[in-house]
Amino acid sequence: MAKEEKKIKTETAPSPRKVRAVTKHLRIAPRKMRIVIDTIRRKPAFEAVGILMLLKKKGAKMAVKTLKSAIANAKNLGLNENRLYVSDARADGGPVFKRFLTRSMGRADKILKRTTHLTLEVREGFKVWGGNAPEDAKAKNKKKTAAAA
């Protein structure tokens, strides 16, 4: 007779809900894209969209599209839009196009046209960043105003 194994249920904390969007083969060097995404890392999602809209960089337009896609993915999965923040932003190198530039005396210089794989990850935080307050906060405010009157 084999020993009976006791199965113990251990409750783990729910993992923070996160969603990501990836855009590959962007025709911009990763180094230039990193300058743009460093400005939005750990910012609320809607604030990050506003920051990117005001930046006068080529990479900002590309990052806005990817960030809006991540927000739409989160909304589709049922996350609260007002609690989203940019938790991770990466610009990894993609394939490199190798070209050459002719020089004098039959020589040639190498030109590397770099591409980027952009990954933006948004998570649902605890703080409400904008828009309407949660329902329980509204109820508390009504009680306070009723008590004051």
C-alpha atoms as a PDB file:
ATOM      1  CA  MET A   1       0.000   0.000   0.000  1.00  0.00           C
ATOM      2  CA  ALA A   2       1.500   3.306  -1.103  1.00  0.00           C
ATOM      3  CA  LYS A   3       1.616   6.322   1.135  1.00  0.00           C
ATOM      4  CA  GLU A   4      -1.041   8.882   0.483  1.00  0.00           C
ATOM      5  CA  GLU A   5       0.366  12.237  -0.467  1.00  0.00           C
ATOM      6  CA  LYS A   6      -1.223  15.216   1.154  1.00  0.00           C
ATOM      7  CA  LYS A   7      -1.942  17.944  -1.318  1.00  0.00           C
ATOM      8  CA  ILE A   8      -1.598  21.304   0.302  1.00  0.00           C
ATOM      9  CA  LYS A   9      -3.077  24.270  -1.470  1.00  0.00           C
ATOM     10  CA  THR A  10      -0.874  27.296  -1.166  1.00  0.00           C
ATOM     11  CA  GLU A  11      -2.370  30.572  -2.115  1.00  0.00           C
ATOM     12  CA  THR A  12      -0.084  32.823  -4.060  1.00  0.00           C
ATOM     13  CA  ALA A  13      -0.533  36.510  -4.520  1.00  0.00           C
ATOM     14  CA  PRO A  14      -2.121  37.366  -7.864  1.00  0.00           C
ATOM     15  CA  SER A  15       0.494  38.398 -10.373  1.00  0.00           C
ATOM     16  CA  PRO A  16       0.272  41.984 -11.531  1.00  0.00           C
ATOM     17  CA  ARG A  17      -1.665  42.092 -14.754  1.00  0.00           C
ATOM     18  CA  LYS A  18       0.527  43.200 -17.604  1.00  0.00           C
ATOM     19  CA  VAL A  19       0.101  43.532 -21.338  1.00  0.00           C
ATOM     20  CA  ARG A  20       2.667  44.210 -24.000  1.00  0.00           C
ATOM     21  CA  ALA A  21       2.836  45.324 -27.598  1.00  0.00           C
ATOM     22  CA  VAL A  22       5.736  44.635 -29.928  1.00  0.00           C
ATOM     23  CA  THR A  23       6.589  46.405 -33.168  1.00  0.00           C
ATOM     24  CA  LYS A  24       9.358  44.853 -35.210  1.00  0.00           C
ATOM     25  CA  HIS A  25      11.620  46.008 -38.039  1.00  0.00           C
ATOM     26  CA  LEU A  26      11.279  49.750 -37.392  1.00  0.00           C
ATOM     27  CA  ARG A  27      13.585  51.737 -39.673  1.00  0.00           C
ATOM     28  CA  ILE A  28      15.349  53.667 -36.933  1.00  0.00           C
ATOM     29  CA  ALA A  29      18.500  52.865 -34.984  1.00  0.00           C
ATOM     30  CA  PRO A  30      17.903  51.403 -31.494  1.00  0.00           C
ATOM     31  CA  ARG A  31      20.179  54.035 -29.997  1.00  0.00           C
ATOM     32  CA  LYS A  32      17.904  56.832 -31.259  1.00  0.00           C
ATOM     33  CA  MET A  33      14.757  55.011 -30.134  1.00  0.00           C
ATOM     34  CA  ARG A  34      16.138  54.520 -26.607  1.00  0.00           C
ATOM     35  CA  ILE A  35      16.401  58.291 -26.178  1.00  0.00           C
ATOM     36  CA  VAL A  36      12.661  58.529 -26.853  1.00  0.00           C
ATOM     37  CA  ILE A  37      11.475  55.631 -24.695  1.00  0.00           C
ATOM     38  CA  ASP A  38      13.593  56.701 -21.712  1.00  0.00           C
ATOM     39  CA  THR A  39      11.244  59.687 -21.358  1.00  0.00           C
ATOM     40  CA  ILE A  40       8.125  57.521 -20.836  1.00  0.00           C
ATOM     41  CA  ARG A  41       9.368  54.642 -18.703  1.00  0.00           C
ATOM     42  CA  ARG A  42       7.376  54.289 -15.411  1.00  0.00           C
ATOM     43  CA  LYS A  43       4.904  57.031 -16.404  1.00  0.00           C
ATOM     44  CA  PRO A  44       1.103  56.681 -16.501  1.00  0.00           C
ATOM     45  CA  ALA A  45       0.046  55.418 -19.914  1.00  0.00           C
ATOM     46  CA  PHE A  46      -2.082  58.401 -20.951  1.00  0.00           C
ATOM     47  CA  GLU A  47       0.551  60.856 -19.728  1.00  0.00           C
ATOM     48  CA  ALA A  48       3.170  58.933 -21.747  1.00  0.00           C
ATOM     49  CA  VAL A  49       1.044  59.282 -24.900  1.00  0.00           C
ATOM     50  CA  GLY A  50       0.898  63.039 -24.331  1.00  0.00           C
ATOM     51  CA  ILE A  51       4.649  63.277 -23.804  1.00  0.00           C
ATOM     52  CA  LEU A  52       5.351  61.342 -26.998  1.00  0.00           C
ATOM     53  CA  MET A  53       2.934  63.491 -29.013  1.00  0.00           C
ATOM     54  CA  LEU A  54       4.930  66.595 -28.061  1.00  0.00           C
ATOM     55  CA  LEU A  55       8.387  65.168 -28.805  1.00  0.00           C
ATOM     56  CA  LYS A  56       9.912  66.240 -32.113  1.00  0.00           C
ATOM     57  CA  LYS A  57      11.654  62.958 -32.863  1.00  0.00           C
ATOM     58  CA  LYS A  58      11.023  60.355 -35.554  1.00  0.00           C
ATOM     59  CA  GLY A  59      10.952  57.580 -32.947  1.00  0.00           C
ATOM     60  CA  ALA A  60       8.207  59.312 -30.957  1.00  0.00           C
ATOM     61  CA  LYS A  61       5.600  58.700 -33.689  1.00  0.00           C
ATOM     62  CA  MET A  62       6.532  55.035 -33.830  1.00  0.00           C
ATOM     63  CA  ALA A  63       6.438  54.706 -30.033  1.00  0.00           C
ATOM     64  CA  VAL A  64       2.983  56.355 -29.841  1.00  0.00           C
ATOM     65  CA  LYS A  65       1.527  53.760 -32.205  1.00  0.00           C
ATOM     66  CA  THR A  66       3.012  50.907 -30.179  1.00  0.00           C
ATOM     67  CA  LEU A  67       1.887  52.403 -26.854  1.00  0.00           C
ATOM     68  CA  LYS A  68      -1.673  52.931 -28.120  1.00  0.00           C
ATOM     69  CA  SER A  69      -1.675  49.323 -29.251  1.00  0.00           C
ATOM     70  CA  ALA A  70      -0.600  48.175 -25.771  1.00  0.00           C
ATOM     71  CA  ILE A  71      -3.362  50.271 -24.172  1.00  0.00           C
ATOM     72  CA  ALA A  72      -5.924  48.803 -26.579  1.00  0.00           C
ATOM     73  CA  ASN A  73      -4.692  45.286 -25.760  1.00  0.00           C
ATOM     74  CA  ALA A  74      -5.087  46.010 -22.047  1.00  0.00           C
ATOM     75  CA  LYS A  75      -8.575  47.390 -22.549  1.00  0.00           C
ATOM     76  CA  ASN A  76      -9.499  44.307 -24.563  1.00  0.00           C
ATOM     77  CA  LEU A  77      -8.373  42.085 -21.666  1.00  0.00           C
ATOM     78  CA  GLY A  78     -10.494  44.034 -19.185  1.00  0.00           C
ATOM     79  CA  LEU A  79      -7.825  46.092 -17.419  1.00  0.00           C
ATOM     80  CA  ASN A  80      -8.700  49.546 -16.094  1.00  0.00           C
ATOM     81  CA  GLU A  81      -7.330  52.152 -18.520  1.00  0.00           C
ATOM     82  CA  ASN A  82      -6.927  54.800 -15.824  1.00  0.00           C
ATOM     83  CA  ARG A  83      -4.607  52.590 -13.772  1.00  0.00           C
ATOM     84  CA  LEU A  84      -2.181  51.660 -16.546  1.00  0.00           C
ATOM     85  CA  TYR A  85       1.454  52.699 -16.469  1.00  0.00           C
ATOM     86  CA  VAL A  86       4.440  51.931 -18.687  1.00  0.00           C
ATOM     87  CA  SER A  87       6.347  49.302 -16.717  1.00  0.00           C
ATOM     88  CA  ASP A  88       8.882  48.256 -19.337  1.00  0.00           C
ATOM     89  CA  ALA A  89      10.133  49.821 -22.553  1.00  0.00           C
ATOM     90  CA  ARG A  90      12.842  48.222 -24.668  1.00  0.00           C
ATOM     91  CA  ALA A  91      14.409  49.008 -28.020  1.00  0.00           C
ATOM     92  CA  ASP A  92      16.341  45.961 -29.176  1.00  0.00           C
ATOM     93  CA  GLY A  93      18.349  45.724 -32.366  1.00  0.00           C
ATOM     94  CA  GLY A  94      16.772  44.092 -35.366  1.00  0.00           C
ATOM     95  CA  PRO A  95      18.319  42.991 -38.639  1.00  0.00           C
ATOM     96  CA  VAL A  96      20.908  45.336 -40.147  1.00  0.00           C
ATOM     97  CA  PHE A  97      20.870  46.325 -43.815  1.00  0.00           C
ATOM     98  CA  LYS A  98      24.432  46.450 -45.141  1.00  0.00           C
ATOM     99  CA  ARG A  99      25.116  48.938 -47.921  1.00  0.00           C
ATOM    100  CA  PHE A 100      28.242  50.533 -49.312  1.00  0.00           C
ATOM    101  CA  LEU A 101      29.237  54.023 -50.351  1.00  0.00           C
ATOM    102  CA  THR A 102      31.714  54.420 -53.182  1.00  0.00           C
ATOM    103  CA  ARG A 103      34.862  56.400 -52.431  1.00  0.00           C
ATOM    104  CA  SER A 104      37.770  57.670 -54.443  1.00  0.00           C
ATOM    105  CA  MET A 105      40.468  55.420 -55.882  1.00  0.00           C
ATOM    106  CA  GLY A 106      38.154  52.396 -56.084  1.00  0.00           C
ATOM    107  CA  ARG A 107      37.488  52.109 -52.368  1.00  0.00           C
ATOM    108  CA  ALA A 108      34.185  51.655 -50.574  1.00  0.00           C
ATOM    109  CA  ASP A 109      32.862  52.539 -47.104  1.00  0.00           C
ATOM    110  CA  LYS A 110      30.392  50.358 -45.250  1.00  0.00           C
ATOM    111  CA  ILE A 111      26.970  51.786 -44.296  1.00  0.00           C
ATOM    112  CA  LEU A 112      24.910  49.947 -41.665  1.00  0.00           C
ATOM    113  CA  LYS A 113      21.198  50.758 -41.757  1.00  0.00           C
ATOM    114  CA  ARG A 114      19.957  49.524 -38.409  1.00  0.00           C
ATOM    115  CA  THR A 115      16.427  48.447 -37.474  1.00  0.00           C
ATOM    116  CA  THR A 116      14.698  48.222 -34.104  1.00  0.00           C
ATOM    117  CA  HIS A 117      12.349  45.837 -32.339  1.00  0.00           C
ATOM    118  CA  LEU A 118      10.303  48.000 -29.935  1.00  0.00           C
ATOM    119  CA  THR A 119       8.602  46.369 -26.928  1.00  0.00           C
ATOM    120  CA  LEU A 120       6.320  48.348 -24.606  1.00  0.00           C
ATOM    121  CA  GLU A 121       4.728  46.750 -21.555  1.00  0.00           C
ATOM    122  CA  VAL A 122       1.936  48.322 -19.524  1.00  0.00           C
ATOM    123  CA  ARG A 123       0.733  47.139 -16.126  1.00  0.00           C
ATOM    124  CA  GLU A 124      -2.295  47.855 -14.046  1.00  0.00           C
ATOM    125  CA  GLY A 125      -1.246  49.762 -10.943  1.00  0.00           C
ATOM    126  CA  PHE A 126      -3.123  50.540  -7.749  1.00  0.00           C
ATOM    127  CA  LYS A 127      -3.365  54.295  -8.248  1.00  0.00           C
ATOM    128  CA  VAL A 128      -5.963  55.873 -10.537  1.00  0.00           C
ATOM    129  CA  TRP A 129      -4.077  58.328 -12.772  1.00  0.00           C
ATOM    130  CA  GLY A 130      -6.874  60.242 -14.420  1.00  0.00           C
ATOM    131  CA  GLY A 131     -10.503  60.248 -15.412  1.00  0.00           C
ATOM    132  CA  ASN A 132     -13.268  59.245 -13.033  1.00  0.00           C
ATOM    133  CA  ALA A 133     -12.625  58.174  -9.473  1.00  0.00           C
ATOM    134  CA  PRO A 134     -13.498  54.599  -8.459  1.00  0.00           C
ATOM    135  CA  GLU A 135     -17.052  53.951  -7.279  1.00  0.00           C
ATOM    136  CA  ASP A 136     -16.110  53.423  -3.636  1.00  0.00           C
ATOM    137  CA  ALA A 137     -14.370  56.818  -3.495  1.00  0.00           C
ATOM    138  CA  LYS A 138     -17.481  58.505  -4.911  1.00  0.00           C
ATOM    139  CA  ALA A 139     -19.637  56.871  -2.246  1.00  0.00           C
ATOM    140  CA  LYS A 140     -17.326  58.115   0.524  1.00  0.00           C
ATOM    141  CA  ASN A 141     -17.469  61.669  -0.865  1.00  0.00           C
ATOM    142  CA  LYS A 142     -21.296  61.570  -0.870  1.00  0.00           C
ATOM    143  CA  LYS A 143     -21.348  60.456   2.772  1.00  0.00           C
ATOM    144  CA  LYS A 144     -18.964  63.258   3.772  1.00  0.00           C
ATOM    145  CA  THR A 145     -21.033  65.925   2.016  1.00  0.00           C
ATOM    146  CA  ALA A 146     -24.249  64.547   3.510  1.00  0.00           C
ATOM    147  CA  ALA A 147     -22.726  64.581   7.002  1.00  0.00           C
ATOM    148  CA  ALA A 148     -21.427  68.139   6.550  1.00  0.00           C
ATOM    149  CA  ALA A 149     -24.832  69.446   5.477  1.00  0.00           C
END
